[in-house]
C-alpha cells in the first residue's frame, strides 16, 4: 500500500502530468488506492450463489462431514446405550458443532435457528450445458438431469406440502418456515452434476441420499414412490436440524426420517406417517421385506438392540428398516405415542437415550413384549391401535363361574382372571361374529372357518394364552398361543392372567363385528372330553 501511495504522489521525471494537484491531500490518494484494490480483489470468482436461498445467511461456510450431515449410507459415529447412565451421544447443531444448549430450550426459538445458505455455487451456463434443469418451489429449488415427467415436475409441490406436515408433527409455528429454503439435487447421472459444479468433492460416498445444511442430494430411483420417499427422508433431516437444532442419536433421527418419509401422495394431497396398506402402494420401499428376511436369518431383534444400533451400522439399508419399525410402532401406539413424540424436546441433549429409557421405565417389559408381537406379526396394513394389548392383571377365580367378553376387532385382551398353577379350568365359548364385509360378510363362530387359515390355524378361531405377571425374559407367551375354540379344558403349568383373542391378521381387524362370550369355570377334576395345557 505504501509503495502504491508513493507511486501516485511522487512525480516521475519527464512526466509532469503525474504531479498531483495541490488540492488533493494524501488522505484522498489513500482512498483512491483502496478503491483500486477493492476493484482488483473484487474480480475473484464469486463465492455466493447466483440463485440465492431466501432467508439464507450472507456467510457461506464449508462444512465437513458431521452429525448434521445425514445420509442413507454415511452417518455420525455415535451409538446410544439406553441401559447405561454414561450415555454421552452429543447431538450437533446444523452448523456441525456440538450443541450444548440446555435441554428444554424452546423449539424453533431464535437460539436454535441456524440459518445457512447453500454452499454449492450454481452456474446457469454450466448447468445448462450439462443438461440440468431447475424446478422451483416455495421451500425447495430442485436441480435435476431428468426430463420433464408427470412424476418429476411436481416434486417441489410435494416438498412444500411436507413442510406443513413437519410443522404439525414437531409443533413448529409455520410462520417460522416462511424463509426456510433448500437446494435439492435429484441425480440420474452423477458426472453431469460434477461437471456443472453441483456435486462437491467433499461429499462422502453415499448410495441413495445425503443431507448437509440447506442442501440435499438424492439419486433417481426405480419407482416414483421411492424417489419421493428419499426426498422427504432427507428433507426431514434438514427440517429437524434447522428448527430443532439436531436430529438426536442415529436410531431416532433415522427412524423419524423413515417415518415421515413414508407417505401417501394422491391428487396433490400428501399424508406423512402413512403405514403402507399393500406393497404395491410403496414399490421398492421394502422395509417390511427387510425385517422378514433379517428375522429368518438372525432372529428377532429386541427393542433394546435396535436402539443400541451403532452409527456405522447405518452404512447398510437394513438398520433403516428396523428404525422405521421402532418409530412407526411407538408413534402409532396409543399407550406410547405421547411419550415418544415428547422425545423431540431432548434432541440436543447428550443424554437423549437416557430420557428415552426413563420415559418407558415403568412399562418397559410390556413395551418389549408388544414390540415382539408387532415384529412377529408385521404385515402391510398392520393396525397398531387395534393390536395394542389390553393389559390388566387378573384376579383368582372364585368357585362360581365367570363370563368374559372378547372383542373380535381387537388383539390380545385380558380376561381379568388369574389362573393358578396346577389347577384345571373349563372354558366354553359362544357367539356369532363377522370377519369381513367384502362382497359378502363372513360369519364365524369360536371354532373359526376352515376356508381360510391364518398362521396355520382356522381364521376366526378363539385363541388363549397365559401371561405371567412381573418381569420376564425371552419370547412373550402371547406369541405362543393355543387354540380354545368352542370349548377347552386346560391346566396351567404357570400362574398368570388368561388372555384371549380371535385368530385374524393384524391388518384385517377393522372390519370385524361382534363378540365372543367365554364362560370360565374352575374344576376340581380335569376329566372332561376335551383337555389341554397352556404354558
Protein backbone atom coordinates (compact mmCIF):
# COMPACT_ATOMS: atom_id res chain seq x y z
CA UNK A 1 0.00 0.00 0.00
CA UNK A 2 2.82 2.45 0.91
CA UNK A 3 4.56 1.76 -2.43
CA UNK A 4 1.36 2.49 -4.31
CA UNK A 5 0.87 5.74 -2.41
CA UNK A 6 4.41 6.75 -3.21
CA UNK A 7 3.86 5.90 -6.89
CA UNK A 8 0.77 8.11 -7.07
CA UNK A 9 2.12 11.03 -5.05
CA UNK A 10 5.75 11.32 -6.25
CA UNK A 11 6.10 12.64 -9.85
CA UNK A 12 8.33 10.81 -12.27
CA UNK A 13 10.93 12.71 -14.26
CA UNK A 14 9.64 13.89 -17.62
CA UNK A 15 6.05 13.22 -16.67
CA UNK A 16 4.68 16.41 -15.15
CA UNK A 17 1.13 15.21 -15.66
CA UNK A 18 1.65 12.73 -12.76
CA UNK A 19 2.21 15.56 -10.32
CA UNK A 20 -0.92 15.65 -8.12
CA UNK A 21 -2.69 18.95 -7.79
CA UNK A 22 -2.09 20.74 -4.52
CA UNK A 23 -5.77 20.49 -3.57
CA UNK A 24 -5.52 16.66 -3.35
CA UNK A 25 -4.43 15.53 0.09
CA UNK A 26 -2.55 12.35 0.92
CA UNK A 27 -5.73 11.01 2.53
CA UNK A 28 -7.61 11.41 -0.73
CA UNK A 29 -4.94 9.49 -2.57
CA UNK A 30 -5.14 6.70 0.01
CA UNK A 31 -8.86 6.47 -0.63
CA UNK A 32 -8.22 6.16 -4.35
CA UNK A 33 -5.74 3.34 -3.68
CA UNK A 34 -8.27 1.49 -1.53
CA UNK A 35 -10.82 1.79 -4.32
CA UNK A 36 -8.36 0.36 -6.85
CA UNK A 37 -7.50 -2.55 -4.58
CA UNK A 38 -11.18 -3.20 -3.90
CA UNK A 39 -11.95 -3.42 -7.61
CA UNK A 40 -8.91 -5.62 -8.23
CA UNK A 41 -9.67 -8.10 -5.45
CA UNK A 42 -13.37 -7.99 -6.35
CA UNK A 43 -12.56 -9.75 -9.64
CA UNK A 44 -12.12 -13.06 -7.85
CA UNK A 45 -14.73 -15.72 -8.67
CA UNK A 46 -17.93 -15.10 -6.69
CA UNK A 47 -18.37 -17.22 -3.58
CA UNK A 48 -22.14 -16.83 -3.30
CA UNK A 49 -24.95 -18.37 -5.33
CA UNK A 50 -26.30 -16.79 -8.41
CA UNK A 51 -29.66 -18.19 -7.19
CA UNK A 52 -29.82 -17.10 -3.58
CA UNK A 53 -31.69 -19.04 -0.96
CA UNK A 54 -34.45 -16.96 0.64
CA UNK A 55 -33.55 -16.20 4.21
CA UNK A 56 -30.06 -17.57 3.75
CA UNK A 57 -27.10 -16.22 5.67
CA UNK A 58 -24.61 -13.98 3.90
CA UNK A 59 -21.87 -16.14 5.36
CA UNK A 60 -21.03 -19.24 3.37
CA UNK A 61 -19.02 -21.85 5.19
CA UNK A 62 -17.56 -25.10 4.01
CA UNK A 63 -18.90 -27.88 6.21
CA UNK A 64 -17.12 -31.12 6.97
CA UNK A 65 -18.93 -34.41 7.49
CA UNK A 66 -20.65 -34.01 10.86
CA UNK A 67 -23.63 -35.27 12.82
CA UNK A 68 -25.70 -32.78 10.88
CA UNK A 69 -24.76 -34.44 7.59
CA UNK A 70 -27.29 -37.21 7.33
CA UNK A 71 -27.21 -39.91 4.75
CA UNK A 72 -28.77 -43.23 4.00
CA UNK A 73 -25.24 -44.56 3.89
CA UNK A 74 -23.00 -42.16 5.88
CA UNK A 75 -23.92 -41.31 9.45
CA UNK A 76 -22.40 -39.96 12.67
CA UNK A 77 -20.34 -42.35 14.77
CA UNK A 78 -22.50 -42.22 17.88
CA UNK A 79 -24.19 -45.21 19.45
CA UNK A 80 -26.74 -44.74 22.23
CA UNK A 81 -26.74 -47.21 25.11
CA UNK A 82 -30.13 -46.72 26.72
CA UNK A 83 -29.37 -49.03 29.63
CA UNK A 84 -26.29 -47.10 30.65
CA UNK A 85 -26.14 -43.97 32.76
CA UNK A 86 -22.94 -42.92 31.00
CA UNK A 87 -24.55 -42.05 27.69
CA UNK A 88 -22.64 -39.28 26.00
CA UNK A 89 -24.07 -39.15 22.50
CA UNK A 90 -23.65 -35.43 21.86
CA UNK A 91 -26.08 -34.15 19.25
CA UNK A 92 -24.79 -31.47 16.94
CA UNK A 93 -26.43 -28.40 15.58
CA UNK A 94 -26.98 -27.60 11.94
CA UNK A 95 -23.59 -25.96 11.73
CA UNK A 96 -21.95 -29.25 12.52
CA UNK A 97 -20.88 -28.13 16.00
CA UNK A 98 -21.61 -29.79 19.32
CA UNK A 99 -24.80 -28.24 20.65
CA UNK A 100 -24.52 -27.53 24.37
CA UNK A 101 -27.79 -25.64 24.73
CA UNK A 102 -29.77 -26.75 27.79
CA UNK A 103 -32.47 -29.35 27.46
CA UNK A 104 -35.93 -27.98 27.06
CA UNK A 105 -34.90 -24.94 25.02
CA UNK A 106 -37.91 -23.72 23.13
CA UNK A 107 -38.21 -25.49 19.82
CA UNK A 108 -37.89 -23.19 16.87
CA UNK A 109 -36.64 -20.34 19.03
CA UNK A 110 -34.10 -17.92 17.63
CA UNK A 111 -31.41 -19.51 19.79
CA UNK A 112 -31.87 -22.78 17.96
CA UNK A 113 -32.07 -21.36 14.46
CA UNK A 114 -29.00 -21.87 12.32
CA UNK A 115 -29.88 -20.22 9.03
CA UNK A 116 -27.50 -21.43 6.39
CA UNK A 117 -27.26 -20.67 2.73
CA UNK A 118 -26.18 -23.46 0.45
CA UNK A 119 -22.50 -23.94 -0.28
CA UNK A 120 -22.82 -25.02 -3.89
CA UNK A 121 -22.30 -22.27 -6.46
CA UNK A 122 -24.94 -22.60 -9.16
CA UNK A 123 -23.64 -21.61 -12.59
CA UNK A 124 -26.56 -21.45 -15.06
CA UNK A 125 -24.27 -21.81 -18.09
CA UNK A 126 -22.55 -24.94 -16.76
CA UNK A 127 -25.87 -26.31 -15.57
CA UNK A 128 -27.49 -25.83 -18.97
CA UNK A 129 -24.53 -27.33 -20.80
CA UNK A 130 -24.71 -30.42 -18.59
CA UNK A 131 -28.43 -30.88 -19.30
CA UNK A 132 -29.60 -29.96 -15.82
CA UNK A 133 -32.82 -28.02 -15.33
CA UNK A 134 -34.30 -26.18 -12.36
CA UNK A 135 -37.66 -26.78 -10.69
CA UNK A 136 -38.80 -24.06 -8.31
CA UNK A 137 -40.90 -24.31 -5.15
CA UNK A 138 -41.54 -22.20 -2.10
CA UNK A 139 -39.27 -24.24 0.16
CA UNK A 140 -37.01 -26.05 -2.31
CA UNK A 141 -35.25 -25.37 -5.58
CA UNK A 142 -34.67 -28.71 -7.24
CA UNK A 143 -31.99 -29.30 -9.86
CA UNK A 144 -32.25 -32.45 -11.93
CA UNK A 145 -30.99 -34.02 -15.14
CA UNK A 146 -34.22 -35.95 -15.57
CA UNK A 147 -36.55 -34.86 -18.38
CA UNK A 148 -40.00 -33.41 -17.89
CA UNK A 149 -42.25 -36.09 -16.46
CA UNK A 150 -45.57 -36.01 -14.57
CA UNK A 151 -43.83 -37.76 -11.65
CA UNK A 152 -40.81 -35.40 -11.58
CA UNK A 153 -42.16 -31.91 -12.11
CA UNK A 154 -44.48 -31.88 -9.03
CA UNK A 155 -41.67 -32.81 -6.59
CA UNK A 156 -41.27 -29.23 -5.28
CA UNK A 157 -45.01 -29.19 -4.58
CA UNK A 158 -44.66 -32.46 -2.66
CA UNK A 159 -41.86 -30.95 -0.59
CA UNK A 160 -43.82 -27.76 0.08
CA UNK A 161 -46.79 -29.82 1.27
CA UNK A 162 -44.46 -31.75 3.60
CA UNK A 163 -43.36 -28.57 5.37
CA UNK A 164 -46.83 -28.06 6.81
CA UNK A 165 -46.88 -31.71 7.92
CA UNK A 166 -43.46 -31.39 9.57
CA UNK A 167 -44.62 -28.25 11.38
CA UNK A 168 -47.66 -30.05 12.75
CA UNK A 169 -45.67 -33.07 13.88
CA UNK A 170 -42.85 -31.10 15.53
CA UNK A 171 -45.17 -28.34 16.78
CA UNK A 172 -43.34 -25.58 14.94
CA UNK A 173 -45.16 -22.37 14.08
CA UNK A 174 -45.47 -22.50 10.31
CA UNK A 175 -44.70 -18.76 10.15
CA UNK A 176 -41.15 -19.59 11.20
CA UNK A 177 -40.70 -21.54 7.95
CA UNK A 178 -41.55 -18.60 5.69
CA UNK A 179 -37.92 -18.04 4.67
CA UNK A 180 -36.70 -21.62 5.01
CA UNK A 181 -35.46 -22.91 1.66
CA UNK A 182 -33.32 -25.80 0.48
CA UNK A 183 -31.45 -26.65 -2.67
CA UNK A 184 -32.04 -30.21 -3.78
CA UNK A 185 -30.21 -32.26 -6.40
CA UNK A 186 -32.04 -35.18 -7.99
CA UNK A 187 -29.37 -37.13 -9.81
CA UNK A 188 -29.64 -39.56 -12.66
CA UNK A 189 -26.07 -39.15 -13.96
CA UNK A 190 -23.58 -38.10 -11.30
CA UNK A 191 -20.98 -36.95 -13.87
CA UNK A 192 -23.33 -34.25 -15.13
CA UNK A 193 -23.58 -32.74 -11.67
CA UNK A 194 -19.82 -32.92 -11.18
CA UNK A 195 -19.34 -31.13 -14.50
CA UNK A 196 -21.86 -28.46 -13.51
CA UNK A 197 -20.22 -27.96 -10.11
CA UNK A 198 -23.28 -29.21 -8.22
CA UNK A 199 -21.58 -32.22 -6.64
CA UNK A 200 -18.69 -31.03 -4.48
CA UNK A 201 -15.53 -33.03 -3.82
CA UNK A 202 -16.06 -33.02 -0.06
CA UNK A 203 -19.28 -35.03 -0.21
CA UNK A 204 -18.82 -38.52 1.26
CA UNK A 205 -19.81 -41.57 -0.80
CA UNK A 206 -23.50 -42.43 -0.50
CA UNK A 207 -25.76 -44.89 -2.25
CA UNK A 208 -29.14 -43.20 -2.03
CA UNK A 209 -29.39 -39.81 -0.32
CA UNK A 210 -27.48 -37.25 1.71
CA UNK A 211 -28.30 -34.04 3.60
CA UNK A 212 -25.98 -31.23 4.65
CA UNK A 213 -27.04 -27.82 5.87
CA UNK A 214 -29.59 -26.45 3.40
CA UNK A 215 -28.80 -28.94 0.65
CA UNK A 216 -29.96 -32.47 -0.13
CA UNK A 217 -28.69 -34.87 -2.77
CA UNK A 218 -30.53 -38.00 -3.81
CA UNK A 219 -30.20 -40.40 -6.69
CA UNK A 220 -33.06 -41.28 -9.00
CA UNK A 221 -34.90 -44.48 -8.13
CA UNK A 222 -36.78 -47.18 -9.99
CA UNK A 223 -40.15 -46.10 -8.60
CA UNK A 224 -41.87 -42.74 -8.32
CA UNK A 225 -42.79 -43.57 -4.75
CA UNK A 226 -39.27 -44.29 -3.53
CA UNK A 227 -37.91 -41.19 -5.26
CA UNK A 228 -40.35 -39.08 -3.24
CA UNK A 229 -39.54 -41.10 -0.12
CA UNK A 230 -35.85 -40.24 -0.36
CA UNK A 231 -36.57 -36.55 -0.88
CA UNK A 232 -38.87 -36.49 2.17
CA UNK A 233 -36.40 -38.56 4.22
CA UNK A 234 -33.57 -36.10 3.63
CA UNK A 235 -35.94 -33.17 3.96
CA UNK A 236 -36.95 -34.40 7.42
CA UNK A 237 -33.29 -34.38 8.47
CA UNK A 238 -32.89 -30.82 7.18
CA UNK A 239 -36.05 -29.67 8.98
CA UNK A 240 -35.07 -31.24 12.30
CA UNK A 241 -31.53 -29.91 12.19
CA UNK A 242 -32.71 -26.42 11.32
CA UNK A 243 -35.72 -25.98 13.58
CA UNK A 244 -34.90 -28.36 16.44
CA UNK A 245 -31.13 -27.82 16.41
CA UNK A 246 -30.31 -31.52 15.92
CA UNK A 247 -31.77 -34.84 14.91
CA UNK A 248 -30.74 -36.73 18.03
CA UNK A 249 -28.95 -40.10 18.00
CA UNK A 250 -28.94 -42.22 14.86
CA UNK A 251 -31.71 -44.65 15.73
CA UNK A 252 -34.07 -41.77 16.46
CA UNK A 253 -33.15 -39.37 13.66
CA UNK A 254 -33.17 -42.09 11.02
CA UNK A 255 -36.33 -43.59 12.46
CA UNK A 256 -38.18 -40.29 12.23
CA UNK A 257 -36.82 -39.61 8.75
CA UNK A 258 -38.15 -43.01 7.69
CA UNK A 259 -41.45 -42.50 9.50
CA UNK A 260 -42.03 -39.06 7.96
CA UNK A 261 -40.69 -40.16 4.60
CA UNK A 262 -43.21 -42.97 4.35
CA UNK A 263 -46.14 -41.20 2.74
CA UNK A 264 -49.24 -41.26 0.59
CA UNK A 265 -49.48 -38.83 -2.33
CA UNK A 266 -52.65 -38.66 -4.35
CA UNK A 267 -54.44 -35.85 -6.17
CA UNK A 268 -51.92 -33.26 -4.91
CA UNK A 269 -52.57 -34.26 -1.29
CA UNK A 270 -49.79 -35.51 0.95
CA UNK A 271 -50.05 -37.62 4.10
CA UNK A 272 -46.92 -38.40 6.12
CA UNK A 273 -46.54 -41.14 8.75
CA UNK A 274 -48.51 -43.38 6.45
CA UNK A 275 -48.46 -47.09 7.25
CA UNK A 276 -48.43 -48.82 3.84
CA UNK A 277 -51.51 -50.93 3.26
CA UNK A 278 -50.03 -53.02 0.46
CA UNK A 279 -46.60 -53.48 -1.07
CA UNK A 280 -47.86 -52.25 -4.46
CA UNK A 281 -48.52 -48.91 -2.79
CA UNK A 282 -44.81 -48.43 -1.97
CA UNK A 283 -42.74 -50.10 -4.72
CA UNK A 284 -39.03 -50.55 -3.89
CA UNK A 285 -39.56 -49.33 -0.31
CA UNK A 286 -39.05 -52.84 1.05
CA UNK A 287 -38.81 -52.15 4.80
CA UNK A 288 -41.17 -54.96 5.82
CA UNK A 289 -39.41 -57.39 3.48
CA UNK A 290 -36.04 -56.50 5.01
CA UNK A 291 -37.33 -57.17 8.52
CA UNK A 292 -38.79 -60.51 7.49
CA UNK A 293 -35.51 -61.54 5.87
CA UNK A 294 -33.50 -60.44 8.89
CA UNK A 295 -35.86 -62.41 11.12
CA UNK A 296 -35.36 -65.54 9.03
CA UNK A 297 -31.58 -65.10 9.02
CA UNK A 298 -30.77 -63.95 12.56
CA UNK A 299 -33.98 -63.90 14.57
CA UNK A 300 -35.99 -61.16 16.22
CA UNK A 301 -34.17 -58.01 17.29
CA UNK A 302 -35.23 -56.68 20.65
CA UNK A 303 -36.19 -53.07 21.03
CA UNK A 304 -33.02 -52.62 23.06
CA UNK A 305 -30.89 -53.99 20.22
CA UNK A 306 -32.41 -51.59 17.71
CA UNK A 307 -31.84 -48.58 19.98
CA UNK A 308 -28.26 -49.73 20.56
CA UNK A 309 -27.51 -49.89 16.83
CA UNK A 310 -24.24 -48.10 16.15
CA UNK A 311 -23.94 -45.28 13.64
CA UNK A 312 -21.57 -47.29 11.45
CA UNK A 313 -24.27 -49.92 11.05
CA UNK A 314 -26.30 -47.39 9.08
CA UNK A 315 -23.90 -47.76 6.18
CA UNK A 316 -26.30 -50.55 5.17
CA UNK A 317 -30.00 -50.24 4.49
CA UNK A 318 -31.20 -52.88 7.00
CA UNK A 319 -30.96 -50.68 10.13
CA UNK A 320 -33.22 -48.14 8.43
CA UNK A 321 -35.97 -50.74 8.24
CA UNK A 322 -35.66 -51.52 11.96
CA UNK A 323 -35.51 -47.83 12.91
CA UNK A 324 -38.66 -47.24 10.85
CA UNK A 325 -40.34 -50.12 12.67
CA UNK A 326 -39.47 -48.68 16.11
CA UNK A 327 -40.72 -45.21 15.18
CA UNK A 328 -43.87 -46.46 13.46
CA UNK A 329 -44.70 -48.72 16.41
CA UNK A 330 -44.10 -46.15 19.17
CA UNK A 331 -45.66 -43.28 17.23
CA UNK A 332 -48.76 -45.27 16.33
CA UNK A 333 -49.37 -46.99 19.67
CA UNK A 334 -51.98 -45.24 21.86
CA UNK A 335 -50.12 -46.06 25.09
CA UNK A 336 -46.69 -44.89 23.91
CA UNK A 337 -47.17 -42.22 21.23
CA UNK A 338 -47.26 -39.17 23.53
CA UNK A 339 -44.06 -40.14 25.31
CA UNK A 340 -42.34 -40.92 22.04
CA UNK A 341 -43.28 -37.60 20.47
CA UNK A 342 -42.12 -35.75 23.59
CA UNK A 343 -38.58 -37.01 22.91
CA UNK A 344 -38.16 -34.31 20.28
CA UNK A 345 -37.67 -31.88 23.18
CA UNK A 346 -34.35 -33.58 24.00
CA UNK A 347 -32.67 -33.92 20.61
CA UNK A 348 -29.90 -31.52 21.64
CA UNK A 349 -29.37 -33.25 25.00
CA UNK A 350 -26.32 -35.57 25.26
CA UNK A 351 -28.44 -37.83 27.49
CA UNK A 352 -31.21 -38.22 24.92
CA UNK A 353 -31.27 -42.00 25.08
CA UNK A 354 -31.41 -41.88 28.86
CA UNK A 355 -34.54 -39.73 28.55
CA UNK A 356 -35.96 -42.42 26.29
CA UNK A 357 -35.26 -45.11 28.87
CA UNK A 358 -36.67 -43.03 31.72
CA UNK A 359 -39.84 -42.30 29.75
CA UNK A 360 -40.65 -46.00 29.37
CA UNK A 361 -39.06 -47.39 32.52
CA UNK A 362 -42.34 -48.14 34.29
CA UNK A 363 -43.72 -50.30 31.48
CA UNK A 364 -40.56 -51.39 29.68
CA UNK A 365 -41.47 -55.09 29.95
CA UNK A 366 -44.85 -54.51 28.36
CA UNK A 367 -43.22 -52.38 25.69
CA UNK A 368 -40.70 -55.09 24.78
CA UNK A 369 -43.48 -57.68 24.77
CA UNK A 370 -45.69 -55.68 22.42
CA UNK A 371 -42.66 -54.96 20.24
CA UNK A 372 -42.17 -58.71 19.84
CA UNK A 373 -45.80 -59.16 18.81
CA UNK A 374 -45.53 -56.28 16.36
CA UNK A 375 -42.44 -57.65 14.64
CA UNK A 376 -43.56 -61.29 14.64
CA UNK A 377 -46.90 -60.37 13.05
CA UNK A 378 -45.72 -57.45 10.89
CA UNK A 379 -47.68 -57.14 7.66
CA UNK A 380 -48.71 -54.35 5.31
CA UNK A 381 -51.67 -52.57 6.83
CA UNK A 382 -50.82 -53.59 10.41
CA UNK A 383 -53.39 -51.90 12.65
CA UNK A 384 -51.27 -50.78 15.59
CA UNK A 385 -54.07 -49.26 17.74
CA UNK A 386 -56.33 -52.31 17.39
CA UNK A 387 -53.45 -54.70 18.04
CA UNK A 388 -52.45 -52.84 21.21
CA UNK A 389 -52.64 -55.35 24.06
CA UNK A 390 -55.25 -54.59 26.72
CA UNK A 391 -53.15 -55.28 29.82
CA UNK A 392 -54.89 -55.92 33.13
CA UNK A 393 -53.66 -58.14 35.98
CA UNK A 394 -56.07 -60.95 36.72
CA UNK A 395 -57.70 -61.97 39.98
CA UNK A 396 -58.16 -65.58 41.12
CA UNK A 397 -61.43 -67.15 40.04
CA UNK A 398 -63.88 -67.96 42.83
CA UNK A 399 -65.87 -71.16 42.96
CA UNK A 400 -68.53 -69.51 40.82
CA UNK A 401 -68.01 -69.44 37.02
CA UNK A 402 -67.25 -66.10 35.37
CA UNK A 403 -68.14 -64.84 31.88
CA UNK A 404 -65.84 -62.53 29.92
CA UNK A 405 -66.38 -60.71 26.63
CA UNK A 406 -63.80 -60.88 23.83
CA UNK A 407 -63.98 -58.17 21.16
CA UNK A 408 -63.42 -59.56 17.67
CA UNK A 409 -61.92 -56.31 16.32
CA UNK A 410 -59.08 -56.18 18.85
CA UNK A 411 -55.87 -58.08 19.52
CA UNK A 412 -54.98 -59.70 22.84
CA UNK A 413 -57.32 -58.81 25.73
CA UNK A 414 -57.00 -59.63 29.40
CA UNK A 415 -59.82 -61.77 30.77
CA UNK A 416 -59.20 -60.28 34.21
CA UNK A 417 -58.91 -63.81 35.61
CA UNK A 418 -55.75 -65.25 37.08
CA UNK A 419 -55.22 -68.97 36.59
CA UNK A 420 -53.35 -70.85 39.29
CA UNK A 421 -50.57 -73.37 38.79
CA UNK A 422 -51.80 -76.97 38.50
CA UNK A 423 -55.49 -76.07 38.64
CA UNK A 424 -57.81 -77.13 35.82
CA UNK A 425 -60.29 -74.76 34.20
CA UNK A 426 -63.07 -75.35 31.68
CA UNK A 427 -63.66 -72.70 29.02
CA UNK A 428 -66.78 -72.62 26.86
CA UNK A 429 -67.19 -70.03 24.10
CA UNK A 430 -70.34 -68.86 22.31
CA UNK A 431 -71.18 -66.17 19.81
CA UNK A 432 -71.54 -65.40 16.13
CA UNK A 433 -69.50 -62.63 14.57
CA UNK A 434 -68.47 -61.15 11.24
CA UNK A 435 -64.89 -61.48 9.99
CA UNK A 436 -65.09 -59.46 6.79
CA UNK A 437 -67.52 -57.34 4.81
CA UNK A 438 -66.06 -57.52 1.31
CA UNK A 439 -68.58 -58.76 -1.27
CA UNK A 440 -70.48 -60.53 1.50
CA UNK A 441 -69.94 -60.94 5.25
CA UNK A 442 -68.01 -63.93 6.55
CA UNK A 443 -69.92 -65.18 9.57
CA UNK A 444 -67.97 -67.13 12.10
CA UNK A 445 -68.25 -68.91 15.44
CA UNK A 446 -65.48 -69.58 18.02
CA UNK A 447 -64.31 -72.68 16.08
CA UNK A 448 -63.33 -70.45 13.15
CA UNK A 449 -63.75 -71.01 9.41
CA UNK A 450 -61.67 -73.51 7.50
CA UNK A 451 -62.00 -71.91 4.07
CA UNK A 452 -59.06 -69.75 5.09
CA UNK A 453 -56.24 -70.16 7.58
CA UNK A 454 -54.10 -67.60 9.33
CA UNK A 455 -50.71 -68.64 10.71
CA UNK A 456 -51.67 -72.30 10.41
CA UNK A 457 -54.95 -72.03 12.33
CA UNK A 458 -58.56 -71.55 11.12
CA UNK A 459 -59.44 -67.91 10.61
CA UNK A 460 -61.53 -66.51 13.46
CA UNK A 461 -60.95 -69.35 15.91
CA UNK A 462 -60.70 -68.36 19.59
CA UNK A 463 -57.13 -68.37 20.97
CA UNK A 464 -55.82 -68.22 24.52
CA UNK A 465 -52.57 -67.68 26.38
CA UNK A 466 -51.48 -67.38 30.00
CA UNK A 467 -49.28 -64.37 30.66
CA UNK A 468 -47.23 -64.47 33.88
CA UNK A 469 -47.11 -61.19 35.77
CA UNK A 470 -43.86 -59.43 36.64
CA UNK A 471 -40.55 -59.17 34.82
CA UNK A 472 -39.87 -61.80 32.19
CA UNK A 473 -37.29 -62.67 29.57
CA UNK A 474 -37.44 -64.45 26.25
CA UNK A 475 -40.37 -64.77 23.90
CA UNK A 476 -43.73 -63.49 25.12
CA UNK A 477 -46.34 -66.10 25.99
CA UNK A 478 -48.75 -64.10 23.86
CA UNK A 479 -46.64 -65.10 20.87
CA UNK A 480 -47.20 -68.78 21.75
CA UNK A 481 -50.98 -69.02 21.72
CA UNK A 482 -53.09 -72.14 22.00
CA UNK A 483 -56.44 -72.98 20.44
CA UNK A 484 -59.52 -72.64 22.64
CA UNK A 485 -62.26 -72.94 20.00
CA UNK A 486 -65.77 -73.72 21.23
CA UNK A 487 -64.55 -75.32 24.43
CA UNK A 488 -61.36 -76.37 26.12
CA UNK A 489 -60.29 -77.70 29.48
CA UNK A 490 -56.83 -76.64 30.43
CA UNK A 491 -54.39 -76.94 33.25
CA UNK A 492 -52.00 -74.08 33.72
CA UNK A 493 -48.36 -75.01 34.27
CA UNK A 494 -47.56 -71.47 35.40
CA UNK A 495 -49.70 -68.96 37.27
CA UNK A 496 -50.75 -65.96 35.24
CA UNK A 497 -53.56 -63.97 33.67
CA UNK A 498 -55.61 -65.55 30.90
CA UNK A 499 -55.56 -63.54 27.66
CA UNK A 500 -57.93 -64.16 24.74
CA UNK A 501 -58.43 -63.09 21.12
CA UNK A 502 -59.69 -64.45 17.82
CA UNK A 503 -57.25 -65.59 15.15
CA UNK A 504 -57.02 -62.88 12.48
CA UNK A 505 -54.45 -60.82 10.65
CA UNK A 506 -53.30 -57.59 12.29
CA UNK A 507 -54.28 -55.86 9.05
CA UNK A 508 -57.86 -57.17 8.99
CA UNK A 509 -59.34 -56.40 12.39
CA UNK A 510 -61.18 -53.22 11.46
CA UNK A 511 -63.99 -54.92 9.52
CA UNK A 512 -64.77 -57.48 12.25
CA UNK A 513 -68.08 -57.11 14.06
CA UNK A 514 -69.41 -58.87 17.11
CA UNK A 515 -68.03 -60.50 20.22
CA UNK A 516 -67.36 -63.83 21.88
CA UNK A 517 -68.66 -64.78 25.30
CA UNK A 518 -66.35 -67.09 27.23
CA UNK A 519 -67.56 -68.88 30.36
CA UNK A 520 -64.68 -69.89 32.65
CA UNK A 521 -65.18 -72.44 35.41
CA UNK A 522 -62.71 -73.76 37.91
CA UNK A 523 -62.70 -77.58 38.12
CA UNK A 524 -61.83 -79.96 40.89
CA UNK A 525 -61.08 -82.61 38.27
CA UNK A 526 -59.74 -82.37 34.73
CA UNK A 527 -61.63 -85.44 33.49
CA UNK A 528 -63.54 -83.88 30.59
CA UNK A 529 -63.85 -84.85 26.92
CA UNK A 530 -61.50 -82.08 25.71
CA UNK A 531 -58.41 -81.17 27.66
CA UNK A 532 -55.11 -79.44 27.14
CA UNK A 533 -52.36 -77.42 28.73
CA UNK A 534 -51.41 -73.79 28.48
CA UNK A 535 -47.87 -72.87 29.41
